[in-house]
Amino acid sequence: MDEMNNTFHHRKTDEQPTDKLLPVRNILNLIFMAGAIVGVVLYFFTNKTVGTVVILSAMVFKMAECCLRFFRR
């Protein structure tokens, strides 16, 4: 019988190239997080409509970051 290969496969290996878009993705995530926090504060302490618009605007940055992550090839 064949012997089982007992090597472990990790997600990150030395052969895999690093993500060149990681700095851009990090900036997009920071913009999203800041926008979400500001939007929640505006939603609860001022006008709910303005807070909702700010949160939805922040989500656009998160969707852009997700697209960069999914379609980076």
N, C-alpha and C. Protein backbone atom coordinates (compact mmCIF):
# COMPACT_ATOMS: atom_id res chain seq x y z
N MET A 1 0.82 -1.19 0.00
CA MET A 1 0.00 0.00 0.00
C MET A 1 0.87 1.25 0.00
N ASP A 2 0.28 2.31 -0.53
CA ASP A 2 1.00 3.57 -0.53
C ASP A 2 0.98 4.18 0.86
N GLU A 3 2.08 4.82 1.19
CA GLU A 3 2.14 5.51 2.48
C GLU A 3 1.41 6.84 2.37
N MET A 4 0.78 7.22 3.46
CA MET A 4 0.07 8.50 3.47
C MET A 4 1.09 9.63 3.57
N ASN A 5 0.81 10.69 2.86
CA ASN A 5 1.66 11.87 2.92
C ASN A 5 1.23 12.70 4.12
N ASN A 6 2.10 12.84 5.12
CA ASN A 6 1.75 13.51 6.36
C ASN A 6 2.19 14.97 6.38
N THR A 7 2.34 15.58 5.25
CA THR A 7 2.73 16.99 5.25
C THR A 7 1.51 17.85 5.54
N PHE A 8 1.74 18.94 6.22
CA PHE A 8 0.68 19.88 6.53
C PHE A 8 0.67 20.99 5.51
N HIS A 9 -0.50 21.43 5.14
CA HIS A 9 -0.64 22.50 4.16
C HIS A 9 -1.17 23.74 4.88
N HIS A 10 -0.33 24.71 4.98
CA HIS A 10 -0.73 25.97 5.60
C HIS A 10 -1.15 26.94 4.52
N ARG A 11 -1.92 27.92 4.90
CA ARG A 11 -2.39 28.89 3.91
C ARG A 11 -1.26 29.75 3.37
N LYS A 12 -0.35 30.16 4.20
CA LYS A 12 0.72 31.04 3.76
C LYS A 12 2.02 30.27 3.72
N THR A 13 2.61 30.17 2.56
CA THR A 13 3.90 29.52 2.42
C THR A 13 4.87 30.49 1.78
N ASP A 14 6.12 30.13 1.79
CA ASP A 14 7.14 31.01 1.21
C ASP A 14 7.04 31.09 -0.30
N GLU A 15 6.45 30.08 -0.94
CA GLU A 15 6.36 30.09 -2.39
C GLU A 15 5.27 31.02 -2.91
N GLN A 16 4.26 31.31 -2.07
CA GLN A 16 3.16 32.14 -2.52
C GLN A 16 3.58 33.61 -2.54
N PRO A 17 3.21 34.33 -3.59
CA PRO A 17 3.55 35.76 -3.63
C PRO A 17 2.73 36.53 -2.60
N THR A 18 3.31 37.62 -2.13
CA THR A 18 2.59 38.45 -1.18
C THR A 18 1.54 39.27 -1.91
N ASP A 19 0.55 39.71 -1.19
CA ASP A 19 -0.53 40.50 -1.77
C ASP A 19 -0.05 41.93 -1.97
N LYS A 20 0.08 42.32 -3.23
CA LYS A 20 0.57 43.67 -3.54
C LYS A 20 -0.46 44.74 -3.23
N LEU A 21 -1.72 44.35 -3.15
CA LEU A 21 -2.79 45.32 -2.88
C LEU A 21 -3.12 45.44 -1.40
N LEU A 22 -2.36 44.79 -0.54
CA LEU A 22 -2.65 44.82 0.89
C LEU A 22 -2.64 46.25 1.46
N PRO A 23 -1.68 47.11 1.12
CA PRO A 23 -1.75 48.48 1.66
C PRO A 23 -3.00 49.24 1.21
N VAL A 24 -3.41 49.04 -0.03
CA VAL A 24 -4.62 49.70 -0.53
C VAL A 24 -5.84 49.16 0.20
N ARG A 25 -5.89 47.86 0.39
CA ARG A 25 -7.01 47.24 1.10
C ARG A 25 -7.07 47.72 2.54
N ASN A 26 -5.91 47.88 3.18
CA ASN A 26 -5.89 48.37 4.56
C ASN A 26 -6.42 49.80 4.64
N ILE A 27 -6.06 50.63 3.69
CA ILE A 27 -6.57 52.01 3.69
C ILE A 27 -8.07 52.03 3.47
N LEU A 28 -8.56 51.19 2.55
CA LEU A 28 -10.00 51.12 2.32
C LEU A 28 -10.73 50.63 3.57
N ASN A 29 -10.13 49.69 4.29
CA ASN A 29 -10.74 49.21 5.53
C ASN A 29 -10.75 50.29 6.60
N LEU A 30 -9.69 51.08 6.69
CA LEU A 30 -9.66 52.18 7.66
C LEU A 30 -10.73 53.22 7.36
N ILE A 31 -10.90 53.54 6.08
CA ILE A 31 -11.95 54.49 5.68
C ILE A 31 -13.32 53.93 6.03
N PHE A 32 -13.51 52.63 5.78
CA PHE A 32 -14.79 52.01 6.11
C PHE A 32 -15.07 52.07 7.61
N MET A 33 -14.08 51.69 8.42
CA MET A 33 -14.29 51.67 9.86
C MET A 33 -14.56 53.05 10.42
N ALA A 34 -13.80 54.05 9.96
CA ALA A 34 -14.04 55.42 10.42
C ALA A 34 -15.41 55.90 9.99
N GLY A 35 -15.79 55.62 8.76
CA GLY A 35 -17.11 56.02 8.27
C GLY A 35 -18.23 55.34 9.01
N ALA A 36 -18.05 54.07 9.34
CA ALA A 36 -19.08 53.34 10.08
C ALA A 36 -19.25 53.90 11.48
N ILE A 37 -18.15 54.23 12.14
CA ILE A 37 -18.23 54.80 13.49
C ILE A 37 -18.90 56.16 13.45
N VAL A 38 -18.48 57.00 12.52
CA VAL A 38 -19.10 58.33 12.39
C VAL A 38 -20.58 58.19 12.05
N GLY A 39 -20.90 57.27 11.17
CA GLY A 39 -22.29 57.06 10.79
C GLY A 39 -23.16 56.62 11.95
N VAL A 40 -22.65 55.73 12.78
CA VAL A 40 -23.42 55.26 13.94
C VAL A 40 -23.62 56.40 14.94
N VAL A 41 -22.58 57.19 15.15
CA VAL A 41 -22.71 58.33 16.06
C VAL A 41 -23.74 59.31 15.53
N LEU A 42 -23.67 59.61 14.24
CA LEU A 42 -24.65 60.51 13.65
C LEU A 42 -26.05 59.93 13.72
N TYR A 43 -26.17 58.64 13.51
CA TYR A 43 -27.48 57.99 13.51
C TYR A 43 -28.15 58.11 14.88
N PHE A 44 -27.39 57.88 15.94
CA PHE A 44 -27.99 57.87 17.27
C PHE A 44 -28.09 59.25 17.92
N PHE A 45 -27.21 60.18 17.55
CA PHE A 45 -27.19 61.46 18.25
C PHE A 45 -27.68 62.64 17.43
N THR A 46 -27.82 62.48 16.12
CA THR A 46 -28.35 63.58 15.29
C THR A 46 -29.43 63.01 14.38
N ASN A 47 -29.36 63.35 13.15
CA ASN A 47 -30.36 62.97 12.16
C ASN A 47 -30.13 61.51 11.72
N LYS A 48 -31.17 60.68 11.79
CA LYS A 48 -31.04 59.27 11.39
C LYS A 48 -30.80 59.13 9.89
N THR A 49 -31.36 60.02 9.09
CA THR A 49 -31.17 59.94 7.65
C THR A 49 -29.72 60.21 7.28
N VAL A 50 -29.13 61.21 7.89
CA VAL A 50 -27.72 61.53 7.60
C VAL A 50 -26.82 60.38 8.06
N GLY A 51 -27.11 59.81 9.22
CA GLY A 51 -26.33 58.67 9.70
C GLY A 51 -26.41 57.48 8.77
N THR A 52 -27.61 57.23 8.25
CA THR A 52 -27.79 56.11 7.32
C THR A 52 -27.01 56.34 6.04
N VAL A 53 -27.03 57.56 5.53
CA VAL A 53 -26.29 57.87 4.30
C VAL A 53 -24.79 57.70 4.52
N VAL A 54 -24.29 58.13 5.67
CA VAL A 54 -22.85 58.00 5.96
C VAL A 54 -22.48 56.52 6.07
N ILE A 55 -23.30 55.72 6.73
CA ILE A 55 -23.01 54.29 6.85
C ILE A 55 -23.03 53.62 5.48
N LEU A 56 -24.02 53.95 4.67
CA LEU A 56 -24.07 53.35 3.32
C LEU A 56 -22.89 53.79 2.46
N SER A 57 -22.46 55.04 2.63
CA SER A 57 -21.27 55.51 1.90
C SER A 57 -20.03 54.76 2.35
N ALA A 58 -19.92 54.48 3.64
CA ALA A 58 -18.78 53.71 4.14
C ALA A 58 -18.80 52.29 3.60
N MET A 59 -19.98 51.75 3.41
CA MET A 59 -20.08 50.39 2.88
C MET A 59 -19.58 50.29 1.45
N VAL A 60 -19.62 51.37 0.71
CA VAL A 60 -19.07 51.37 -0.66
C VAL A 60 -17.57 51.08 -0.61
N PHE A 61 -16.88 51.65 0.37
CA PHE A 61 -15.44 51.39 0.51
C PHE A 61 -15.18 49.94 0.89
N LYS A 62 -16.04 49.36 1.72
CA LYS A 62 -15.88 47.96 2.09
C LYS A 62 -16.13 47.05 0.89
N MET A 63 -17.12 47.38 0.08
CA MET A 63 -17.37 46.58 -1.13
C MET A 63 -16.20 46.66 -2.10
N ALA A 64 -15.59 47.84 -2.21
CA ALA A 64 -14.42 47.98 -3.08
C ALA A 64 -13.27 47.12 -2.56
N GLU A 65 -13.08 47.10 -1.23
CA GLU A 65 -12.02 46.28 -0.65
C GLU A 65 -12.29 44.80 -0.89
N CYS A 66 -13.54 44.39 -0.77
CA CYS A 66 -13.90 42.99 -1.02
C CYS A 66 -13.64 42.60 -2.48
N CYS A 67 -13.97 43.51 -3.38
CA CYS A 67 -13.72 43.23 -4.81
C CYS A 67 -12.23 43.07 -5.07
N LEU A 68 -11.41 43.91 -4.45
CA LEU A 68 -9.96 43.77 -4.62
C LEU A 68 -9.48 42.43 -4.06
N ARG A 69 -10.06 42.00 -2.97
CA ARG A 69 -9.66 40.73 -2.36
C ARG A 69 -10.09 39.54 -3.22
N PHE A 70 -11.31 39.57 -3.73
CA PHE A 70 -11.83 38.43 -4.48
C PHE A 70 -11.28 38.35 -5.89
N PHE A 71 -11.06 39.49 -6.54
CA PHE A 71 -10.65 39.50 -7.94
C PHE A 71 -9.20 39.94 -8.13
N ARG A 72 -8.34 39.62 -7.21
CA ARG A 72 -6.95 40.08 -7.30
C ARG A 72 -6.13 39.32 -8.32
N ARG A 73 -6.68 38.27 -8.88
CA ARG A 73 -5.92 37.48 -9.86
C ARG A 73 -6.07 37.97 -11.24
